[in-house]
C-alpha atoms as a PDB file:
ATOM      1  CA  MET A   1     -18.087   2.326  21.513  1.00  0.00           C
ATOM      2  CA  SER A   2     -17.125   3.327  17.988  1.00  0.00           C
ATOM      3  CA  ALA A   3     -19.801   2.948  15.308  1.00  0.00           C
ATOM      4  CA  LEU A   4     -17.149   2.549  12.578  1.00  0.00           C
ATOM      5  CA  PRO A   5     -17.564  -1.161  12.148  1.00  0.00           C
ATOM      6  CA  ASN A   6     -21.299  -0.679  11.166  1.00  0.00           C
ATOM      7  CA  ARG A   7     -20.301   1.700   8.408  1.00  0.00           C
ATOM      8  CA  PRO A   8     -19.397   0.467   4.893  1.00  0.00           C
ATOM      9  CA  MET A   9     -15.744   0.330   4.052  1.00  0.00           C
ATOM     10  CA  GLU A  10     -14.301   0.235   0.585  1.00  0.00           C
ATOM     11  CA  TYR A  11     -10.959  -0.604  -0.955  1.00  0.00           C
ATOM     12  CA  LEU A  12     -10.264   1.652  -3.984  1.00  0.00           C
ATOM     13  CA  ALA A  13      -7.642   0.716  -6.392  1.00  0.00           C
ATOM     14  CA  ARG A  14      -5.144   3.535  -7.052  1.00  0.00           C
ATOM     15  CA  ALA A  15      -4.432   4.786 -10.446  1.00  0.00           C
ATOM     16  CA  PRO A  16      -1.390   3.033 -12.099  1.00  0.00           C
ATOM     17  CA  LEU A  17       1.776   4.996 -12.000  1.00  0.00           C
ATOM     18  CA  THR A  18       2.887   5.936 -15.629  1.00  0.00           C
ATOM     19  CA  LYS A  19       4.714   9.169 -14.844  1.00  0.00           C
ATOM     20  CA  GLY A  20       5.584  11.167 -11.902  1.00  0.00           C
ATOM     21  CA  ARG A  21       4.406  14.671 -10.613  1.00  0.00           C
ATOM     22  CA  PRO A  22       6.188  17.616 -12.072  1.00  0.00           C
ATOM     23  CA  GLY A  23       9.784  17.492 -10.979  1.00  0.00           C
ATOM     24  CA  SER A  24       9.583  13.786  -9.924  1.00  0.00           C
ATOM     25  CA  ARG A  25       9.596  10.436 -11.757  1.00  0.00           C
ATOM     26  CA  VAL A  26       8.414   6.893 -11.178  1.00  0.00           C
ATOM     27  CA  THR A  27      11.020   4.386 -10.055  1.00  0.00           C
ATOM     28  CA  PHE A  28      10.540   0.716 -10.829  1.00  0.00           C
ATOM     29  CA  PHE A  29      12.044  -1.726  -8.307  1.00  0.00           C
ATOM     30  CA  PRO A  30      12.864  -5.153  -9.588  1.00  0.00           C
ATOM     31  CA  SER A  31      11.283  -7.306  -6.846  1.00  0.00           C
ATOM     32  CA  ARG A  32      12.297 -11.015  -6.456  1.00  0.00           C
ATOM     33  CA  LYS A  33       9.586 -11.607  -3.950  1.00  0.00           C
ATOM     34  CA  ASN A  34       6.900 -10.252  -6.331  1.00  0.00           C
ATOM     35  CA  GLY A  35       8.357 -11.751  -9.386  1.00  0.00           C
ATOM     36  CA  GLY A  36       8.534  -8.543 -11.316  1.00  0.00           C
ATOM     37  CA  PRO A  37       9.016  -4.669 -11.144  1.00  0.00           C
ATOM     38  CA  LEU A  38       7.001  -2.506  -8.722  1.00  0.00           C
ATOM     39  CA  ALA A  39       6.183   1.143  -9.549  1.00  0.00           C
ATOM     40  CA  CYS A  40       7.064   3.330  -6.635  1.00  0.00           C
ATOM     41  CA  GLY A  41       5.791   6.859  -6.355  1.00  0.00           C
ATOM     42  CA  ASN A  42       8.889   8.190  -4.829  1.00  0.00           C
ATOM     43  CA  LEU A  43      12.493   7.383  -3.924  1.00  0.00           C
ATOM     44  CA  LEU A  44      11.620   6.701  -0.254  1.00  0.00           C
ATOM     45  CA  GLN A  45       9.286   3.913  -1.297  1.00  0.00           C
ATOM     46  CA  ALA A  46      11.783   2.469  -3.839  1.00  0.00           C
ATOM     47  CA  ASP A  47      14.690   2.541  -1.145  1.00  0.00           C
ATOM     48  CA  TYR A  48      12.484   0.792   1.389  1.00  0.00           C
ATOM     49  CA  CYS A  49      11.678  -2.094  -1.016  1.00  0.00           C
ATOM     50  CA  VAL A  50      15.188  -3.534  -0.461  1.00  0.00           C
ATOM     51  CA  HIS A  51      14.575  -3.832   3.159  1.00  0.00           C
ATOM     52  CA  LEU A  52      11.386  -5.718   2.552  1.00  0.00           C
ATOM     53  CA  GLU A  53      13.339  -7.973   0.273  1.00  0.00           C
ATOM     54  CA  TYR A  54      15.798  -8.468   2.894  1.00  0.00           C
ATOM     55  CA  ARG A  55      13.494  -9.245   5.892  1.00  0.00           C
ATOM     56  CA  GLN A  56      13.065 -12.965   6.268  1.00  0.00           C
ATOM     57  CA  ASP A  57       9.506 -12.652   7.653  1.00  0.00           C
ATOM     58  CA  VAL A  58       8.222 -10.874   4.567  1.00  0.00           C
ATOM     59  CA  VAL A  59       6.730 -13.248   1.938  1.00  0.00           C
ATOM     60  CA  THR A  60       5.443 -10.673  -0.483  1.00  0.00           C
ATOM     61  CA  TYR A  61       4.309  -6.899  -0.487  1.00  0.00           C
ATOM     62  CA  GLN A  62       2.461  -4.369  -2.552  1.00  0.00           C
ATOM     63  CA  CYS A  63       3.565  -0.854  -3.027  1.00  0.00           C
ATOM     64  CA  ARG A  64       0.790   1.766  -3.077  1.00  0.00           C
ATOM     65  CA  PRO A  65      -1.996  -0.788  -2.160  1.00  0.00           C
ATOM     66  CA  PRO A  66      -5.663   0.074  -2.578  1.00  0.00           C
ATOM     67  CA  THR A  67      -6.959   3.039  -0.522  1.00  0.00           C
ATOM     68  CA  VAL A  68      -8.907   1.988   2.593  1.00  0.00           C
ATOM     69  CA  CYS A  69     -12.061   4.250   2.710  1.00  0.00           C
ATOM     70  CA  CYS A  70     -14.797   4.695   5.377  1.00  0.00           C
ATOM     71  CA  ASP A  71     -17.077   7.729   5.160  1.00  0.00           C
ATOM     72  CA  ALA A  72     -14.626  10.688   4.721  1.00  0.00           C
ATOM     73  CA  LEU A  73     -11.591   8.862   5.890  1.00  0.00           C
ATOM     74  CA  ARG A  74      -9.007   7.887   3.234  1.00  0.00           C
ATOM     75  CA  TYR A  75      -5.951   5.779   4.292  1.00  0.00           C
ATOM     76  CA  LYS A  76      -3.362   5.570   1.537  1.00  0.00           C
ATOM     77  CA  ALA A  77      -0.631   3.311   2.740  1.00  0.00           C
ATOM     78  CA  ASP A  78       2.761   3.044   1.156  1.00  0.00           C
ATOM     79  CA  PHE A  79       2.940  -0.719   1.452  1.00  0.00           C
ATOM     80  CA  LEU A  80       0.868  -3.754   2.246  1.00  0.00           C
ATOM     81  CA  VAL A  81       3.134  -6.434   3.507  1.00  0.00           C
ATOM     82  CA  VAL A  82       2.309 -10.157   3.880  1.00  0.00           C
ATOM     83  CA  LEU A  83       4.285 -11.866   6.668  1.00  0.00           C
ATOM     84  CA  ASN A  84       5.122 -15.669   6.787  1.00  0.00           C
ATOM     85  CA  ASN A  85       2.640 -16.058   9.630  1.00  0.00           C
ATOM     86  CA  GLY A  86      -0.131 -15.130   7.130  1.00  0.00           C
ATOM     87  CA  SER A  87      -0.960 -11.653   8.585  1.00  0.00           C
ATOM     88  CA  GLU A  88      -1.038  -8.479   6.560  1.00  0.00           C
ATOM     89  CA  VAL A  89       0.295  -5.217   7.734  1.00  0.00           C
ATOM     90  CA  TYR A  90      -0.109  -1.695   6.233  1.00  0.00           C
ATOM     91  CA  LEU A  91       2.952   0.486   6.364  1.00  0.00           C
ATOM     92  CA  LYS A  92       2.920   4.313   5.787  1.00  0.00           C
ATOM     93  CA  PHE A  93       5.691   6.842   6.100  1.00  0.00           C
ATOM     94  CA  LEU A  94       5.170   9.909   8.167  1.00  0.00           C
ATOM     95  CA  PRO A  95       6.939  13.172   7.316  1.00  0.00           C
ATOM     96  CA  PRO A  96       9.651  14.383   9.665  1.00  0.00           C
ATOM     97  CA  ASP A  97       7.463  16.870  11.427  1.00  0.00           C
ATOM     98  CA  ALA A  98       4.942  14.235  12.565  1.00  0.00           C
ATOM     99  CA  GLN A  99       5.219  13.042  16.123  1.00  0.00           C
ATOM    100  CA  PRO A 100       3.441   9.829  16.731  1.00  0.00           C
ATOM    101  CA  ARG A 101       5.132   9.283  20.081  1.00  0.00           C
ATOM    102  CA  GLY A 102       4.231  12.762  21.239  1.00  0.00           C
ATOM    103  CA  PHE A 103       1.044  14.448  20.297  1.00  0.00           C
ATOM    104  CA  ILE A 104      -0.897  12.974  17.520  1.00  0.00           C
ATOM    105  CA  ARG A 105      -3.077  15.149  15.399  1.00  0.00           C
ATOM    106  CA  HIS A 106      -6.797  14.494  15.191  1.00  0.00           C
ATOM    107  CA  PRO A 107      -6.894  13.154  11.523  1.00  0.00           C
ATOM    108  CA  GLN A 108      -4.219  10.556  12.426  1.00  0.00           C
ATOM    109  CA  GLN A 109      -6.056   9.548  15.517  1.00  0.00           C
ATOM    110  CA  ALA A 110      -9.271   9.020  13.488  1.00  0.00           C
ATOM    111  CA  MET A 111      -7.375   7.009  10.903  1.00  0.00           C
ATOM    112  CA  GLU A 112      -5.992   4.766  13.560  1.00  0.00           C
ATOM    113  CA  ALA A 113      -9.321   4.312  15.102  1.00  0.00           C
ATOM    114  CA  MET A 114     -10.732   3.220  11.789  1.00  0.00           C
ATOM    115  CA  LEU A 115      -7.983   0.762  11.163  1.00  0.00           C
ATOM    116  CA  GLN A 116      -8.166  -0.773  14.668  1.00  0.00           C
ATOM    117  CA  ASP A 117     -11.986  -1.160  14.610  1.00  0.00           C
ATOM    118  CA  ARG A 118     -11.541  -2.993  11.387  1.00  0.00           C
ATOM    119  CA  ASN A 119      -8.851  -5.286  12.861  1.00  0.00           C
ATOM    120  CA  LEU A 120      -6.354  -3.982  10.236  1.00  0.00           C
ATOM    121  CA  LEU A 121      -2.743  -4.190  11.236  1.00  0.00           C
ATOM    122  CA  PHE A 122      -0.731  -1.105  10.494  1.00  0.00           C
ATOM    123  CA  ALA A 123       2.527   0.750  11.486  1.00  0.00           C
ATOM    124  CA  TRP A 124       3.829   4.239  10.909  1.00  0.00           C
ATOM    125  CA  LEU A 125       7.359   4.554   9.539  1.00  0.00           C
ATOM    126  CA  VAL A 126       9.044   7.741  10.957  1.00  0.00           C
ATOM    127  CA  PRO A 127      12.504   8.968   9.861  1.00  0.00           C
ATOM    128  CA  GLN A 128      14.252   8.023  13.140  1.00  0.00           C
ATOM    129  CA  ASP A 129      12.987   4.437  12.870  1.00  0.00           C
ATOM    130  CA  LEU A 130      14.301   3.858   9.376  1.00  0.00           C
ATOM    131  CA  PRO A 131      17.532   1.997   8.741  1.00  0.00           C
ATOM    132  CA  HIS A 132      20.809   4.042   8.531  1.00  0.00           C
ATOM    133  CA  ALA A 133      21.574   5.333   5.063  1.00  0.00           C
ATOM    134  CA  LEU A 134      24.730   3.187   4.951  1.00  0.00           C
ATOM    135  CA  VAL A 135      22.849   0.057   5.786  1.00  0.00           C
ATOM    136  CA  SER A 136      20.404   0.842   2.918  1.00  0.00           C
ATOM    137  CA  TYR A 137      23.306   1.602   0.578  1.00  0.00           C
ATOM    138  CA  ASN A 138      25.058  -1.696   1.333  1.00  0.00           C
ATOM    139  CA  LEU A 139      21.755  -3.729   0.887  1.00  0.00           C
ATOM    140  CA  ARG A 140      21.013  -2.030  -2.405  1.00  0.00           C
ATOM    141  CA  TYR A 141      24.427  -2.873  -3.627  1.00  0.00           C
ATOM    142  CA  LEU A 142      24.121  -6.454  -2.486  1.00  0.00           C
ATOM    143  CA  TYR A 143      20.677  -6.892  -3.845  1.00  0.00           C
ATOM    144  CA  HIS A 144      21.233  -5.500  -7.290  1.00  0.00           C
ATOM    145  CA  ASN A 145      24.660  -6.895  -7.520  1.00  0.00           C
ATOM    146  CA  GLY A 146      23.503 -10.471  -6.723  1.00  0.00           C
ATOM    147  CA  PHE A 147      20.366 -10.386  -8.753  1.00  0.00           C
ATOM    148  CA  CYS A 148      21.612 -12.670 -11.424  1.00  0.00           C
ATOM    149  CA  SER A 149      22.860 -15.208  -8.878  1.00  0.00           C
ATOM    150  CA  SER A 150      20.825 -18.335  -7.954  1.00  0.00           C
ATOM    151  CA  GLN A 151      20.318 -19.918  -4.742  1.00  0.00           C
ATOM    152  CA  GLY A 152      22.503 -22.928  -5.699  1.00  0.00           C
ATOM    153  CA  ALA A 153      25.398 -20.469  -6.515  1.00  0.00           C
ATOM    154  CA  ALA A 154      24.871 -18.654  -3.159  1.00  0.00           C
ATOM    155  CA  ARG A 155      24.984 -21.951  -1.347  1.00  0.00           C
ATOM    156  CA  GLN A 156      28.261 -22.763  -3.023  1.00  0.00           C
ATOM    157  CA  ALA A 157      29.656 -19.360  -2.065  1.00  0.00           C
ATOM    158  CA  ARG A 158      28.554 -20.050   1.593  1.00  0.00           C
ATOM    159  CA  ASN A 159      30.326 -23.441   1.479  1.00  0.00           C
ATOM    160  CA  ARG A 160      33.518 -21.876   0.187  1.00  0.00           C
ATOM    161  CA  VAL A 161      33.603 -19.342   3.080  1.00  0.00           C
ATOM    162  CA  ASP A 162      32.741 -22.213   5.522  1.00  0.00           C
ATOM    163  CA  ALA A 163      35.795 -24.072   4.281  1.00  0.00           C
ATOM    164  CA  MET A 164      38.175 -21.168   5.177  1.00  0.00           C
ATOM    165  CA  PRO A 165      40.015 -21.041   8.468  1.00  0.00           C
ATOM    166  CA  ASP A 166      37.517 -19.924  11.249  1.00  0.00           C
ATOM    167  CA  HIS A 167      34.817 -19.839   8.668  1.00  0.00           C
ATOM    168  CA  ARG A 168      35.687 -16.249   7.638  1.00  0.00           C
ATOM    169  CA  ALA A 169      37.568 -14.489   4.796  1.00  0.00           C
ATOM    170  CA  THR A 170      37.764 -11.080   3.202  1.00  0.00           C
ATOM    171  CA  VAL A 171      35.967 -10.264   0.009  1.00  0.00           C
ATOM    172  CA  GLU A 172      39.278  -9.951  -1.784  1.00  0.00           C
ATOM    173  CA  ALA A 173      40.377 -13.453  -0.584  1.00  0.00           C
ATOM    174  CA  MET A 174      37.091 -15.004  -1.751  1.00  0.00           C
ATOM    175  CA  VAL A 175      37.174 -13.362  -5.174  1.00  0.00           C
ATOM    176  CA  ALA A 176      40.801 -14.438  -5.637  1.00  0.00           C
ATOM    177  CA  SER A 177      39.778 -17.975  -4.814  1.00  0.00           C
ATOM    178  CA  GLY A 178      37.326 -17.832  -7.740  1.00  0.00           C
ATOM    179  CA  VAL A 179      34.009 -17.016  -6.005  1.00  0.00           C
ATOM    180  CA  ALA A 180      31.950 -14.583  -8.097  1.00  0.00           C
ATOM    181  CA  ILE A 181      31.058 -11.215  -6.531  1.00  0.00           C
ATOM    182  CA  ALA A 182      27.405 -11.816  -7.579  1.00  0.00           C
ATOM    183  CA  ASP A 183      27.295 -15.076  -5.665  1.00  0.00           C
ATOM    184  CA  LEU A 184      28.852 -13.577  -2.520  1.00  0.00           C
ATOM    185  CA  SER A 185      26.472 -10.703  -2.615  1.00  0.00           C
ATOM    186  CA  HIS A 186      23.515 -12.984  -3.003  1.00  0.00           C
ATOM    187  CA  ALA A 187      24.598 -15.107  -0.171  1.00  0.00           C
ATOM    188  CA  ILE A 188      25.096 -12.202   2.092  1.00  0.00           C
ATOM    189  CA  PHE A 189      21.725 -10.686   1.145  1.00  0.00           C
ATOM    190  CA  LEU A 190      20.047 -13.964   1.960  1.00  0.00           C
ATOM    191  CA  ASP A 191      21.746 -13.841   5.371  1.00  0.00           C
ATOM    192  CA  GLU A 192      23.578 -17.012   4.837  1.00  0.00           C
ATOM    193  CA  LEU A 193      26.921 -15.155   5.053  1.00  0.00           C
ATOM    194  CA  ARG A 194      27.222 -12.183   7.242  1.00  0.00           C
ATOM    195  CA  ILE A 195      29.073  -8.845   7.156  1.00  0.00           C
ATOM    196  CA  ASN A 196      28.862  -5.618   9.229  1.00  0.00           C
ATOM    197  CA  LEU A 197      26.316  -3.747   7.214  1.00  0.00           C
ATOM    198  CA  GLU A 198      27.047  -0.547   9.244  1.00  0.00           C
ATOM    199  CA  GLN A 199      30.474  -0.274   7.668  1.00  0.00           C
ATOM    200  CA  PRO A 200      31.485   0.650   4.147  1.00  0.00           C
ATOM    201  CA  LEU A 201      31.672  -2.463   1.880  1.00  0.00           C
ATOM    202  CA  THR A 202      35.110  -2.826   0.531  1.00  0.00           C
ATOM    203  CA  SER A 203      37.539  -5.499  -0.777  1.00  0.00           C
ATOM    204  CA  GLN A 204      38.664  -5.933   2.860  1.00  0.00           C
ATOM    205  CA  THR A 205      35.284  -6.371   4.373  1.00  0.00           C
ATOM    206  CA  MET A 206      35.277  -9.526   6.470  1.00  0.00           C
ATOM    207  CA  ILE A 207      32.681 -12.230   5.484  1.00  0.00           C
ATOM    208  CA  ASN A 208      31.590 -14.530   8.225  1.00  0.00           C
ATOM    209  CA  GLY A 209      30.038 -17.921   7.701  1.00  0.00           C
ATOM    210  CA  GLY A 210      29.782 -20.973  10.015  1.00  0.00           C
ATOM    211  CA  ARG A 211      25.939 -21.070   9.947  1.00  0.00           C
ATOM    212  CA  ASP A 212      23.700 -23.985   9.802  1.00  0.00           C
ATOM    213  CA  GLY A 213      20.461 -24.029   7.721  1.00  0.00           C
ATOM    214  CA  GLN A 214      19.469 -24.259   4.139  1.00  0.00           C
ATOM    215  CA  LEU A 215      18.852 -21.620   1.570  1.00  0.00           C
END
């Protein structure tokens, strides 16, 4: 049996990001769920924020949470995510050459053992498991374009689509009827209206409504 639970564990706050390493820069992501900007250490973190905003099971999240320390082990996660069931999950990106489903290097095994013995939930984010680049691009467009919209305006946009024949219409048709792009974008991002995120977003993109539920 592992002796890790008997060893002291610390949570060390990470230094605030004020500037990037040489050749890089800090990216601030405007988070609705956190009520303000989050400093991201790289573009991969900043790009993933929009997926955490989109996920309905995520209540809030931290980028670059405190380092989990036990003896010589240091676990620096990219995110600490709070889910709507109250659980907290650490997420960490692995480089493309890491192979968690094949062989696992000893340092990673030791890290996993430490987290498991402390009953900490965690997940590795490997490149092949990340969303397709076009999905990320579309979500970023919808999120940032709908940032100034409200839930009330998004609800009205949903109702306008629901009033169309078969509860569906193109982006062009809805804009022509007077619905603001920002409100359509916000309603789609909230998943109250649906589009195919795996296709390029154009004026002819079909928006589907006909869903029950409240914003």
